[in-house]
Amino acid sequence: SFKTLLKCIKNLTMEPSTLEALESAGAIPSLVPFFSLCSSNSNSHSELPQGSNRRLTQDFTVAGCVDQIKTQQAKEIQNLVMLAMFYLCRLNRSRQEQAAKAGVIPYLKDAIVTLSAVKTFALQILCDFAHTSKITRQELWRNNIQDFYLDLLVSGEVFWQEKALVSLEAWLANSDAKFERAMLRPQALKQIVSLFQTAQSANFEHCVKVLHSMMQRSPQLTESIGRSGLFVSELVDRLSFPKAEVRINLLKLLKTIGENHKDPEYLILQHNLYAVVTALAREAQESHRVLVSEIAHQLLEEWAARINCEKNMLN
């Protein structure tokens, strides 16, 4: 039967030695159209998308089966196809790009939004796509996935918050100006700041590292986030984080913000940064946290030098 065929294909995708043969047989572009069987976005299930590969489907076409498949069967088929797609795309950028070009992204998004049983697999594929290729990221952009990633930042699901942030960082590292502009919108900045404010423990450690990487790549993003009093206030409060490594990364983050701020003297005075970092340097020295102390003193020296330089230029 139709469902038995899909079960066989799904089982084959779970065996790594079969993946190249399945790819050569056109498995990915042949499987993608079957998502339309239970997609909330699909207005008509009577035809395969233009250009779809029919080698694997042959007589088992969507057109020939859709009228015979009940809702529950359609969901079972979605589950089978999603699992097959997950195993085909896992750790292989070539097949990920094939899937994106074949039109899988709207169906992944739909499976997530409708809380499908295979939501987790759809999320993993969709987050992986940001790392794949320029062509794949173009498909992500066409489907507005940058906003989907940003929404995940405030979803409250820690694992997917981290995945989404890493996906945004990867996209920014390979982006053009339009993606960077999308990250500078007020709503996007609000979501990033919200994540920084609410992240806890290991999630916060991860967040600080990735945000620092993003800010190093985009001076415009750094300047925009640095204007957020909520973000800088939260950063100052978090300088008391117990782990030395996190304090170091927060100081680096503060350094990057200062370097890209239009008025560093105002930034320092507004948040009492000189006193805060001086106290941190003293405490680190007393507790023998040498690296924290060194970076804090470097930051104080850089601020003093930059402010004096700007004052001399004005004079």
Protein backbone atom coordinates (compact mmCIF):
# COMPACT_ATOMS: atom_id res chain seq x y z
CA SER A 1 0.00 0.00 0.00
CA PHE A 2 0.87 3.66 -0.19
CA LYS A 3 1.63 3.94 3.53
CA THR A 4 3.71 0.77 3.46
CA LEU A 5 5.87 2.25 0.72
CA LEU A 6 6.52 5.34 2.83
CA LYS A 7 7.35 3.17 5.86
CA CYS A 8 9.91 1.31 3.76
CA ILE A 9 11.46 4.57 2.58
CA LYS A 10 11.55 5.91 6.15
CA ASN A 11 13.23 2.73 7.39
CA LEU A 12 15.79 2.94 4.59
CA THR A 13 16.68 6.52 5.54
CA MET A 14 17.59 5.30 9.04
CA GLU A 15 20.42 3.24 7.56
CA PRO A 16 23.34 5.60 6.72
CA SER A 17 24.64 3.35 3.93
CA THR A 18 21.46 3.89 1.89
CA LEU A 19 21.36 7.69 1.97
CA GLU A 20 23.48 8.40 -1.09
CA ALA A 21 21.47 5.92 -3.16
CA LEU A 22 18.22 7.50 -2.00
CA GLU A 23 19.59 10.93 -2.84
CA SER A 24 20.56 9.75 -6.34
CA ALA A 25 17.08 8.27 -6.80
CA GLY A 26 15.52 11.67 -6.13
CA ALA A 27 14.03 10.79 -2.75
CA ILE A 28 13.91 14.32 -1.38
CA PRO A 29 12.03 16.12 -4.19
CA SER A 30 9.74 13.10 -4.45
CA LEU A 31 8.83 13.08 -0.75
CA VAL A 32 8.26 16.81 -0.18
CA PRO A 33 4.89 16.99 -2.02
CA PHE A 34 3.35 14.45 0.35
CA PHE A 35 3.49 16.98 3.17
CA SER A 36 0.59 18.74 1.45
CA LEU A 37 -1.73 15.93 2.54
CA CYS A 38 -2.20 17.45 5.98
CA SER A 39 -0.78 20.94 5.65
CA SER A 40 -2.98 23.75 6.96
CA ASN A 41 -1.53 25.96 4.19
CA SER A 42 -2.57 23.75 1.33
CA ASN A 43 -5.68 24.86 -0.55
CA SER A 44 -5.59 22.07 -3.06
CA HIS A 45 -4.06 18.63 -2.73
CA SER A 46 -4.85 17.49 -6.22
CA GLU A 47 -1.51 18.15 -7.87
CA LEU A 48 2.17 17.73 -7.14
CA PRO A 49 4.16 21.00 -7.13
CA GLN A 50 5.57 21.94 -10.50
CA GLY A 51 8.90 20.28 -11.19
CA SER A 52 8.53 17.61 -8.49
CA ASN A 53 10.42 14.38 -9.06
CA ARG A 54 8.05 11.45 -9.58
CA ARG A 55 10.52 8.57 -9.85
CA LEU A 56 9.90 7.21 -6.36
CA THR A 57 6.22 8.03 -6.21
CA GLN A 58 5.28 6.55 -9.61
CA ASP A 59 1.68 5.34 -9.24
CA PHE A 60 1.56 6.43 -5.59
CA THR A 61 0.91 10.09 -6.47
CA VAL A 62 -0.77 12.59 -4.23
CA ALA A 63 -3.42 13.08 -6.90
CA GLY A 64 -4.34 9.41 -6.93
CA CYS A 65 -4.44 8.92 -3.17
CA VAL A 66 -5.64 12.12 -1.53
CA ASP A 67 -9.34 11.33 -1.77
CA GLN A 68 -8.80 7.94 -0.14
CA ILE A 69 -6.81 9.12 2.86
CA LYS A 70 -8.54 10.09 6.08
CA THR A 71 -7.22 12.74 8.45
CA GLN A 72 -5.53 10.25 10.77
CA GLN A 73 -3.88 8.49 7.85
CA ALA A 74 -2.72 11.84 6.52
CA LYS A 75 -1.07 12.62 9.87
CA GLU A 76 0.62 9.22 9.85
CA ILE A 77 1.93 9.95 6.38
CA GLN A 78 3.21 13.36 7.52
CA ASN A 79 5.02 11.65 10.38
CA LEU A 80 6.64 9.10 8.09
CA VAL A 81 7.71 11.70 5.54
CA MET A 82 9.04 14.05 8.25
CA LEU A 83 11.14 11.30 9.80
CA ALA A 84 12.49 10.29 6.40
CA MET A 85 13.32 13.94 5.65
CA PHE A 86 15.04 14.31 9.02
CA TYR A 87 17.34 11.32 8.44
CA LEU A 88 18.03 12.37 4.85
CA CYS A 89 18.96 15.93 5.84
CA ARG A 90 20.81 15.21 9.06
CA LEU A 91 24.45 16.36 8.90
CA ASN A 92 24.39 16.69 5.10
CA ARG A 93 24.29 20.18 3.63
CA SER A 94 23.84 19.02 0.07
CA ARG A 95 20.63 17.19 0.91
CA GLN A 96 19.48 20.06 3.13
CA GLU A 97 19.80 22.40 0.16
CA GLN A 98 17.88 19.94 -2.02
CA ALA A 99 15.05 19.88 0.49
CA ALA A 100 14.91 23.67 0.73
CA LYS A 101 14.86 24.02 -3.07
CA ALA A 102 12.14 21.37 -3.28
CA GLY A 103 9.88 23.55 -1.13
CA VAL A 104 10.01 21.82 2.25
CA ILE A 105 10.29 24.98 4.38
CA PRO A 106 6.58 25.98 4.47
CA TYR A 107 5.67 22.43 5.48
CA LEU A 108 8.26 22.39 8.26
CA LYS A 109 6.90 25.67 9.55
CA ASP A 110 3.34 24.37 9.32
CA ALA A 111 4.20 21.21 11.28
CA ILE A 112 5.65 23.36 14.06
CA VAL A 113 2.82 25.89 14.21
CA THR A 114 0.13 23.17 14.26
CA LEU A 115 1.96 21.29 17.05
CA SER A 116 2.39 18.18 14.96
CA ALA A 117 3.72 15.02 16.59
CA VAL A 118 6.87 15.52 14.51
CA LYS A 119 7.32 19.17 15.54
CA THR A 120 10.72 18.46 17.12
CA PHE A 121 12.10 16.97 13.91
CA ALA A 122 10.77 19.89 11.86
CA LEU A 123 12.39 22.37 14.26
CA GLN A 124 15.75 20.64 14.02
CA ILE A 125 15.72 20.64 10.21
CA LEU A 126 14.62 24.27 10.08
CA CYS A 127 17.32 25.42 12.53
CA ASP A 128 19.98 23.46 10.63
CA PHE A 129 19.06 25.22 7.37
CA ALA A 130 20.58 28.54 8.53
CA HIS A 131 24.01 26.87 8.43
CA THR A 132 23.60 25.18 5.04
CA SER A 133 24.22 27.48 2.08
CA LYS A 134 23.40 30.82 0.50
CA ILE A 135 20.65 29.21 -1.58
CA THR A 136 19.06 27.66 1.50
CA ARG A 137 19.17 30.93 3.40
CA GLN A 138 17.50 32.63 0.42
CA GLU A 139 14.67 30.11 0.76
CA LEU A 140 14.51 30.81 4.49
CA TRP A 141 14.24 34.52 3.76
CA ARG A 142 11.52 33.94 1.18
CA ASN A 143 9.51 32.15 3.86
CA ASN A 144 10.15 34.78 6.56
CA ILE A 145 12.03 32.32 8.79
CA GLN A 146 14.17 35.07 10.32
CA ASP A 147 11.05 36.18 12.22
CA PHE A 148 10.30 32.57 13.11
CA TYR A 149 13.77 32.25 14.69
CA LEU A 150 13.24 35.52 16.57
CA ASP A 151 9.91 34.27 17.90
CA LEU A 152 11.66 31.15 19.18
CA LEU A 153 13.94 33.38 21.27
CA VAL A 154 10.97 34.30 23.45
CA SER A 155 9.19 30.94 23.27
CA GLY A 156 10.28 29.86 26.74
CA GLU A 157 11.66 26.59 25.34
CA VAL A 158 15.32 26.77 26.38
CA PHE A 159 16.66 24.18 23.93
CA TRP A 160 15.04 25.87 20.92
CA GLN A 161 15.93 29.34 22.16
CA GLU A 162 19.59 28.30 21.98
CA LYS A 163 19.17 26.65 18.58
CA ALA A 164 17.40 29.70 17.16
CA LEU A 165 20.05 32.11 18.47
CA VAL A 166 22.83 30.03 16.91
CA SER A 167 20.87 29.94 13.64
CA LEU A 168 20.55 33.73 13.66
CA GLU A 169 24.28 34.05 14.36
CA ALA A 170 25.12 31.73 11.45
CA TRP A 171 22.80 33.66 9.14
CA LEU A 172 24.25 37.00 10.22
CA ALA A 173 27.77 35.69 9.59
CA ASN A 174 26.82 34.97 5.97
CA SER A 175 24.20 37.64 5.43
CA ASP A 176 23.61 40.55 3.13
CA ALA A 177 22.40 43.97 4.20
CA LYS A 178 18.70 43.08 4.15
CA PHE A 179 19.07 40.41 6.83
CA GLU A 180 21.11 42.74 9.01
CA ARG A 181 18.40 45.40 8.59
CA ALA A 182 15.81 42.84 9.69
CA MET A 183 17.79 42.26 12.87
CA LEU A 184 17.82 46.00 13.58
CA ARG A 185 14.02 46.37 13.64
CA PRO A 186 12.61 47.41 17.04
CA GLN A 187 10.68 44.15 17.46
CA ALA A 188 13.76 42.03 16.69
CA LEU A 189 15.88 44.01 19.14
CA LYS A 190 13.15 43.69 21.78
CA GLN A 191 13.16 39.90 21.38
CA ILE A 192 16.96 39.70 21.67
CA VAL A 193 16.94 41.88 24.79
CA SER A 194 14.11 39.80 26.27
CA LEU A 195 16.11 36.61 25.83
CA PHE A 196 19.12 38.22 27.51
CA GLN A 197 16.97 39.34 30.44
CA THR A 198 15.26 36.01 31.03
CA ALA A 199 17.99 33.45 30.28
CA GLN A 200 19.27 31.54 33.29
CA SER A 201 22.32 29.46 34.24
CA ALA A 202 23.78 27.45 31.34
CA ASN A 203 21.32 29.04 28.92
CA PHE A 204 22.60 32.48 29.90
CA GLU A 205 26.24 31.38 29.44
CA HIS A 206 25.43 30.20 25.94
CA CYS A 207 23.45 33.35 25.19
CA VAL A 208 26.33 35.65 26.15
CA LYS A 209 28.83 33.81 23.92
CA VAL A 210 26.60 33.83 20.86
CA LEU A 211 25.49 37.43 21.33
CA HIS A 212 29.10 38.54 21.60
CA SER A 213 29.88 36.75 18.34
CA MET A 214 26.90 38.44 16.66
CA MET A 215 27.94 41.87 17.91
CA GLN A 216 31.49 41.39 16.67
CA ARG A 217 30.09 40.66 13.22
CA SER A 218 27.71 43.61 13.13
CA PRO A 219 28.70 47.02 14.50
CA GLN A 220 25.19 48.26 13.62
CA LEU A 221 23.60 45.56 15.77
CA THR A 222 26.01 46.35 18.61
CA GLU A 223 25.24 50.05 18.42
CA SER A 224 21.48 49.39 18.41
CA ILE A 225 21.56 46.98 21.35
CA GLY A 226 23.95 49.31 23.21
CA ARG A 227 21.26 52.00 23.11
CA SER A 228 18.93 49.73 25.07
CA GLY A 229 19.02 50.77 28.70
CA LEU A 230 17.31 47.48 29.60
CA PHE A 231 20.09 45.45 27.97
CA VAL A 232 22.99 47.37 29.52
CA SER A 233 21.33 47.41 32.95
CA GLU A 234 20.85 43.65 32.76
CA LEU A 235 24.46 43.21 31.68
CA VAL A 236 25.66 45.24 34.67
CA ASP A 237 23.50 43.20 37.05
CA ARG A 238 24.84 39.96 35.60
CA LEU A 239 28.48 40.93 36.21
CA SER A 240 28.07 39.26 39.59
CA PHE A 241 27.53 35.89 37.86
CA PRO A 242 29.45 33.28 39.88
CA LYS A 243 31.43 31.72 37.01
CA ALA A 244 34.59 33.58 36.03
CA GLU A 245 34.22 32.62 32.36
CA VAL A 246 30.80 34.27 32.17
CA ARG A 247 32.13 37.44 33.82
CA ILE A 248 34.92 37.53 31.25
CA ASN A 249 32.46 37.19 28.36
CA LEU A 250 30.21 39.87 29.86
CA LEU A 251 33.16 42.24 30.12
CA LYS A 252 34.01 41.50 26.47
CA LEU A 253 30.41 42.22 25.57
CA LEU A 254 30.58 45.52 27.45
CA LYS A 255 33.85 46.34 25.70
CA THR A 256 32.30 45.74 22.27
CA ILE A 257 29.29 47.90 23.15
CA GLY A 258 31.57 50.72 24.31
CA GLU A 259 33.67 50.57 21.15
CA ASN A 260 30.58 51.00 18.98
CA HIS A 261 28.68 53.50 21.10
CA LYS A 262 28.37 57.02 19.70
CA ASP A 263 28.81 58.58 23.13
CA PRO A 264 30.82 56.26 25.40
CA GLU A 265 31.09 58.89 28.13
CA TYR A 266 27.31 59.10 28.35
CA LEU A 267 27.06 55.29 28.40
CA ILE A 268 29.56 55.07 31.27
CA LEU A 269 27.88 57.82 33.31
CA GLN A 270 24.34 56.57 32.64
CA HIS A 271 25.07 53.12 34.05
CA ASN A 272 27.83 54.06 36.52
CA LEU A 273 30.08 51.66 34.63
CA TYR A 274 33.40 52.99 35.84
CA ALA A 275 32.51 52.36 39.49
CA VAL A 276 30.93 48.98 38.71
CA VAL A 277 33.91 47.68 36.74
CA THR A 278 36.39 49.11 39.26
CA ALA A 279 34.63 47.22 42.06
CA LEU A 280 34.58 44.07 39.92
CA ALA A 281 38.32 44.38 39.22
CA ARG A 282 39.07 44.79 42.92
CA GLU A 283 36.90 41.83 43.91
CA ALA A 284 38.48 39.66 41.20
CA GLN A 285 41.96 40.58 42.34
CA GLU A 286 41.14 39.72 45.95
CA SER A 287 39.64 36.35 44.94
CA HIS A 288 42.61 35.60 42.64
CA ARG A 289 40.53 35.60 39.45
CA VAL A 290 43.46 36.90 37.47
CA LEU A 291 41.91 36.97 34.00
CA VAL A 292 38.75 38.74 35.16
CA SER A 293 40.90 41.33 36.93
CA GLU A 294 43.12 41.87 33.86
CA ILE A 295 40.22 42.34 31.44
CA ALA A 296 38.40 44.67 33.84
CA HIS A 297 41.53 46.86 34.22
CA GLN A 298 42.06 46.86 30.43
CA LEU A 299 38.49 48.00 29.95
CA LEU A 300 38.90 50.84 32.46
CA GLU A 301 42.11 51.96 30.74
CA GLU A 302 40.50 51.87 27.30
CA TRP A 303 37.52 53.92 28.48
CA ALA A 304 39.77 56.51 30.06
CA ALA A 305 41.96 56.75 26.95
CA ARG A 306 39.01 57.05 24.57
CA ILE A 307 37.22 59.69 26.63
CA ASN A 308 40.42 61.74 27.00
CA CYS A 309 41.08 61.44 23.28
CA GLU A 310 37.61 62.69 22.39
CA LYS A 311 37.92 65.56 24.84
CA ASN A 312 41.28 66.58 23.33
CA MET A 313 39.75 66.50 19.85
CA LEU A 314 37.00 68.85 20.99
CA ASN A 315 39.56 71.21 22.45
